[in-house]
């Protein structure tokens, strides 16, 4: 089942269940997908590739994480909780997130393959790591792990 089909089914089930948060969140995902498709039309493409869908969903999840952080700093726990609920729903559409151990293993392989030895090589490692782990791990977590490994 494609992402668009899954979203349509989830909208129907959220409407039937009268789940307001899920309905709003899934509709916002659908809106983002449709907007991205409209942006691609001039280049002759009608639908998003799976990679583009994951990229879009990862961006939406990142926006929610940043909003949660800002709301908590501003003392608005009510809004932070709403964003957290939306984040959980968005993450159901993303590929399974890797554990820290799995991320460490992949980063170790990347560091050895690019020959990184010092913090100056952060850019080389991050470029490869972000491509390989796109949608499977949070960018901030990846960066922190790479920095700690290169600082040793």
C-alpha atoms as a PDB file:
ATOM      1  CA  UNK A   1       0.000   0.000   0.000  1.00  0.00           C
ATOM      2  CA  UNK A   2       1.406   3.385  -0.982  1.00  0.00           C
ATOM      3  CA  UNK A   3       1.754   6.223   1.498  1.00  0.00           C
ATOM      4  CA  UNK A   4      -1.141   8.137  -0.086  1.00  0.00           C
ATOM      5  CA  UNK A   5      -3.447   5.108   0.137  1.00  0.00           C
ATOM      6  CA  UNK A   6      -2.424   4.485   3.739  1.00  0.00           C
ATOM      7  CA  UNK A   7      -3.063   8.136   4.624  1.00  0.00           C
ATOM      8  CA  UNK A   8      -6.520   8.038   3.019  1.00  0.00           C
ATOM      9  CA  UNK A   9      -7.411   4.898   4.977  1.00  0.00           C
ATOM     10  CA  UNK A  10      -6.108   6.454   8.206  1.00  0.00           C
ATOM     11  CA  UNK A  11      -8.152   9.617   7.627  1.00  0.00           C
ATOM     12  CA  UNK A  12     -11.296   7.510   7.247  1.00  0.00           C
ATOM     13  CA  UNK A  13     -10.590   5.480  10.381  1.00  0.00           C
ATOM     14  CA  UNK A  14      -9.733   8.614  12.397  1.00  0.00           C
ATOM     15  CA  UNK A  15     -13.010  10.223  11.299  1.00  0.00           C
ATOM     16  CA  UNK A  16     -14.972   7.127  12.282  1.00  0.00           C
ATOM     17  CA  UNK A  17     -13.202   6.966  15.651  1.00  0.00           C
ATOM     18  CA  UNK A  18     -13.629  10.735  16.141  1.00  0.00           C
ATOM     19  CA  UNK A  19      -9.886  10.951  16.933  1.00  0.00           C
ATOM     20  CA  UNK A  20      -9.335  14.674  16.431  1.00  0.00           C
ATOM     21  CA  UNK A  21      -5.531  14.754  16.933  1.00  0.00           C
ATOM     22  CA  UNK A  22      -4.926  11.794  14.598  1.00  0.00           C
ATOM     23  CA  UNK A  23      -7.260  13.264  11.987  1.00  0.00           C
ATOM     24  CA  UNK A  24      -5.546  16.690  12.060  1.00  0.00           C
ATOM     25  CA  UNK A  25      -2.080  15.140  11.940  1.00  0.00           C
ATOM     26  CA  UNK A  26      -2.835  12.734   9.094  1.00  0.00           C
ATOM     27  CA  UNK A  27      -4.497  15.532   7.133  1.00  0.00           C
ATOM     28  CA  UNK A  28      -1.408  17.704   7.631  1.00  0.00           C
ATOM     29  CA  UNK A  29       0.764  14.848   6.299  1.00  0.00           C
ATOM     30  CA  UNK A  30      -1.539  14.494   3.286  1.00  0.00           C
ATOM     31  CA  UNK A  31      -1.342  18.241   2.680  1.00  0.00           C
ATOM     32  CA  UNK A  32       2.473  18.159   2.812  1.00  0.00           C
ATOM     33  CA  UNK A  33       2.582  15.226   0.371  1.00  0.00           C
ATOM     34  CA  UNK A  34       0.225  16.953  -2.059  1.00  0.00           C
ATOM     35  CA  UNK A  35       2.201  20.212  -1.879  1.00  0.00           C
ATOM     36  CA  UNK A  36       5.443  18.344  -2.596  1.00  0.00           C
ATOM     37  CA  UNK A  37       3.826  16.589  -5.570  1.00  0.00           C
ATOM     38  CA  UNK A  38       2.633  19.923  -6.964  1.00  0.00           C
ATOM     39  CA  UNK A  39       6.192  21.246  -6.637  1.00  0.00           C
ATOM     40  CA  UNK A  40       7.470  18.247  -8.650  1.00  0.00           C
ATOM     41  CA  UNK A  41       4.975  18.522 -11.509  1.00  0.00           C
ATOM     42  CA  UNK A  42       7.010  21.010 -13.575  1.00  0.00           C
ATOM     43  CA  UNK A  43       9.824  18.438 -13.696  1.00  0.00           C
ATOM     44  CA  UNK A  44       7.408  15.879 -15.198  1.00  0.00           C
ATOM     45  CA  UNK A  45       6.916  13.697 -12.117  1.00  0.00           C
ATOM     46  CA  UNK A  46       3.465  12.952 -10.720  1.00  0.00           C
ATOM     47  CA  UNK A  47       4.206  11.010  -7.523  1.00  0.00           C
ATOM     48  CA  UNK A  48       6.872  11.079  -4.841  1.00  0.00           C
ATOM     49  CA  UNK A  49       9.462   8.330  -4.662  1.00  0.00           C
ATOM     50  CA  UNK A  50       9.683   6.334  -1.445  1.00  0.00           C
ATOM     51  CA  UNK A  51      12.893   8.197  -0.592  1.00  0.00           C
ATOM     52  CA  UNK A  52      11.158  11.560  -1.048  1.00  0.00           C
ATOM     53  CA  UNK A  53       8.257  10.411   1.136  1.00  0.00           C
ATOM     54  CA  UNK A  54      10.667   9.393   3.919  1.00  0.00           C
ATOM     55  CA  UNK A  55      12.507  12.699   3.583  1.00  0.00           C
ATOM     56  CA  UNK A  56       9.225  14.615   3.860  1.00  0.00           C
ATOM     57  CA  UNK A  57       8.060  12.632   6.897  1.00  0.00           C
ATOM     58  CA  UNK A  58      11.459  13.021   8.573  1.00  0.00           C
ATOM     59  CA  UNK A  59      11.237  16.781   8.055  1.00  0.00           C
ATOM     60  CA  UNK A  60       7.747  16.870   9.595  1.00  0.00           C
ATOM     61  CA  UNK A  61       8.996  14.845  12.583  1.00  0.00           C
ATOM     62  CA  UNK A  62      11.976  17.171  12.997  1.00  0.00           C
ATOM     63  CA  UNK A  63       9.653  20.193  12.997  1.00  0.00           C
ATOM     64  CA  UNK A  64       7.590  18.594  15.773  1.00  0.00           C
ATOM     65  CA  UNK A  65      10.695  17.818  17.868  1.00  0.00           C
ATOM     66  CA  UNK A  66      11.899  21.421  17.537  1.00  0.00           C
ATOM     67  CA  UNK A  67       8.448  22.745  18.448  1.00  0.00           C
ATOM     68  CA  UNK A  68       8.292  20.513  21.524  1.00  0.00           C
ATOM     69  CA  UNK A  69      11.660  21.847  22.654  1.00  0.00           C
ATOM     70  CA  UNK A  70      10.611  25.468  22.142  1.00  0.00           C
ATOM     71  CA  UNK A  71       7.251  25.026  23.840  1.00  0.00           C
ATOM     72  CA  UNK A  72       8.891  23.388  26.852  1.00  0.00           C
ATOM     73  CA  UNK A  73      11.388  26.235  27.113  1.00  0.00           C
ATOM     74  CA  UNK A  74       8.494  28.686  26.941  1.00  0.00           C
ATOM     75  CA  UNK A  75       6.574  26.863  29.664  1.00  0.00           C
ATOM     76  CA  UNK A  76       3.731  25.780  27.345  1.00  0.00           C
ATOM     77  CA  UNK A  77       3.382  22.126  28.303  1.00  0.00           C
ATOM     78  CA  UNK A  78      -0.107  21.944  26.766  1.00  0.00           C
ATOM     79  CA  UNK A  79       1.242  22.781  23.305  1.00  0.00           C
ATOM     80  CA  UNK A  80       4.300  20.567  23.829  1.00  0.00           C
ATOM     81  CA  UNK A  81       2.026  17.608  24.597  1.00  0.00           C
ATOM     82  CA  UNK A  82      -0.026  18.239  21.436  1.00  0.00           C
ATOM     83  CA  UNK A  83       3.136  18.332  19.329  1.00  0.00           C
ATOM     84  CA  UNK A  84       4.382  15.142  21.043  1.00  0.00           C
ATOM     85  CA  UNK A  85       1.126  13.373  20.185  1.00  0.00           C
ATOM     86  CA  UNK A  86       1.485  14.478  16.551  1.00  0.00           C
ATOM     87  CA  UNK A  87       5.105  13.300  16.511  1.00  0.00           C
ATOM     88  CA  UNK A  88       4.076   9.800  17.623  1.00  0.00           C
ATOM     89  CA  UNK A  89       1.550   9.638  14.770  1.00  0.00           C
ATOM     90  CA  UNK A  90       4.069  10.876  12.171  1.00  0.00           C
ATOM     91  CA  UNK A  91       6.640   8.336  13.351  1.00  0.00           C
ATOM     92  CA  UNK A  92       4.218   5.495  12.550  1.00  0.00           C
ATOM     93  CA  UNK A  93       4.731   6.333   8.849  1.00  0.00           C
ATOM     94  CA  UNK A  94       8.527   6.448   9.086  1.00  0.00           C
ATOM     95  CA  UNK A  95      10.731   3.362   8.837  1.00  0.00           C
ATOM     96  CA  UNK A  96      11.615   1.738  12.156  1.00  0.00           C
ATOM     97  CA  UNK A  97      14.102   3.911  14.018  1.00  0.00           C
ATOM     98  CA  UNK A  98      17.455   2.268  14.667  1.00  0.00           C
ATOM     99  CA  UNK A  99      18.707   1.670  18.187  1.00  0.00           C
ATOM    100  CA  UNK A 100      21.772   3.510  19.440  1.00  0.00           C
ATOM    101  CA  UNK A 101      23.819   0.289  19.141  1.00  0.00           C
ATOM    102  CA  UNK A 102      22.818  -0.139  15.482  1.00  0.00           C
ATOM    103  CA  UNK A 103      23.639   3.517  14.758  1.00  0.00           C
ATOM    104  CA  UNK A 104      27.028   3.129  16.472  1.00  0.00           C
ATOM    105  CA  UNK A 105      27.850   0.072  14.366  1.00  0.00           C
ATOM    106  CA  UNK A 106      26.982   1.874  11.120  1.00  0.00           C
ATOM    107  CA  UNK A 107      28.932   4.994  12.152  1.00  0.00           C
ATOM    108  CA  UNK A 108      31.984   2.866  13.024  1.00  0.00           C
ATOM    109  CA  UNK A 109      31.880   1.320   9.534  1.00  0.00           C
ATOM    110  CA  UNK A 110      31.551   4.749   7.910  1.00  0.00           C
ATOM    111  CA  UNK A 111      34.435   6.198   9.935  1.00  0.00           C
ATOM    112  CA  UNK A 112      36.719   3.331   8.900  1.00  0.00           C
ATOM    113  CA  UNK A 113      35.599   3.449   5.237  1.00  0.00           C
ATOM    114  CA  UNK A 114      36.261   7.201   4.837  1.00  0.00           C
ATOM    115  CA  UNK A 115      39.438   7.028   6.912  1.00  0.00           C
ATOM    116  CA  UNK A 116      38.334   9.635   9.460  1.00  0.00           C
ATOM    117  CA  UNK A 117      40.712  10.138  12.384  1.00  0.00           C
ATOM    118  CA  UNK A 118      40.036  13.554  13.894  1.00  0.00           C
ATOM    119  CA  UNK A 119      37.215  16.042  14.501  1.00  0.00           C
ATOM    120  CA  UNK A 120      38.288  17.766  11.253  1.00  0.00           C
ATOM    121  CA  UNK A 121      36.812  14.806   9.365  1.00  0.00           C
ATOM    122  CA  UNK A 122      33.304  15.412  10.773  1.00  0.00           C
ATOM    123  CA  UNK A 123      31.967  16.680   7.445  1.00  0.00           C
ATOM    124  CA  UNK A 124      33.148  13.625   5.510  1.00  0.00           C
ATOM    125  CA  UNK A 125      31.571  11.229   7.994  1.00  0.00           C
ATOM    126  CA  UNK A 126      28.321  13.190   8.407  1.00  0.00           C
ATOM    127  CA  UNK A 127      27.709  13.362   4.650  1.00  0.00           C
ATOM    128  CA  UNK A 128      27.864   9.593   4.279  1.00  0.00           C
ATOM    129  CA  UNK A 129      26.078   8.927   7.591  1.00  0.00           C
ATOM    130  CA  UNK A 130      23.115  11.169   6.793  1.00  0.00           C
ATOM    131  CA  UNK A 131      22.614   9.480   3.412  1.00  0.00           C
ATOM    132  CA  UNK A 132      22.808   6.006   4.898  1.00  0.00           C
ATOM    133  CA  UNK A 133      20.687   6.715   7.982  1.00  0.00           C
ATOM    134  CA  UNK A 134      18.124   9.047   6.388  1.00  0.00           C
ATOM    135  CA  UNK A 135      14.749   8.533   8.054  1.00  0.00           C
ATOM    136  CA  UNK A 136      16.132   5.795  10.298  1.00  0.00           C
ATOM    137  CA  UNK A 137      17.717   8.000  12.968  1.00  0.00           C
ATOM    138  CA  UNK A 138      17.549  11.590  14.215  1.00  0.00           C
ATOM    139  CA  UNK A 139      20.226  13.857  12.722  1.00  0.00           C
ATOM    140  CA  UNK A 140      21.112  15.406  16.083  1.00  0.00           C
ATOM    141  CA  UNK A 141      21.717  11.961  17.581  1.00  0.00           C
ATOM    142  CA  UNK A 142      23.880  10.959  14.616  1.00  0.00           C
ATOM    143  CA  UNK A 143      25.932  14.147  14.868  1.00  0.00           C
ATOM    144  CA  UNK A 144      26.474  13.732  18.602  1.00  0.00           C
ATOM    145  CA  UNK A 145      27.647  10.140  18.179  1.00  0.00           C
ATOM    146  CA  UNK A 146      29.996  11.018  15.302  1.00  0.00           C
ATOM    147  CA  UNK A 147      31.478  13.935  17.276  1.00  0.00           C
ATOM    148  CA  UNK A 148      32.083  11.750  20.348  1.00  0.00           C
ATOM    149  CA  UNK A 149      33.739   9.016  18.245  1.00  0.00           C
ATOM    150  CA  UNK A 150      36.007  11.459  16.407  1.00  0.00           C
ATOM    151  CA  UNK A 151      36.989  13.274  19.628  1.00  0.00           C
ATOM    152  CA  UNK A 152      38.517  10.108  21.127  1.00  0.00           C
END
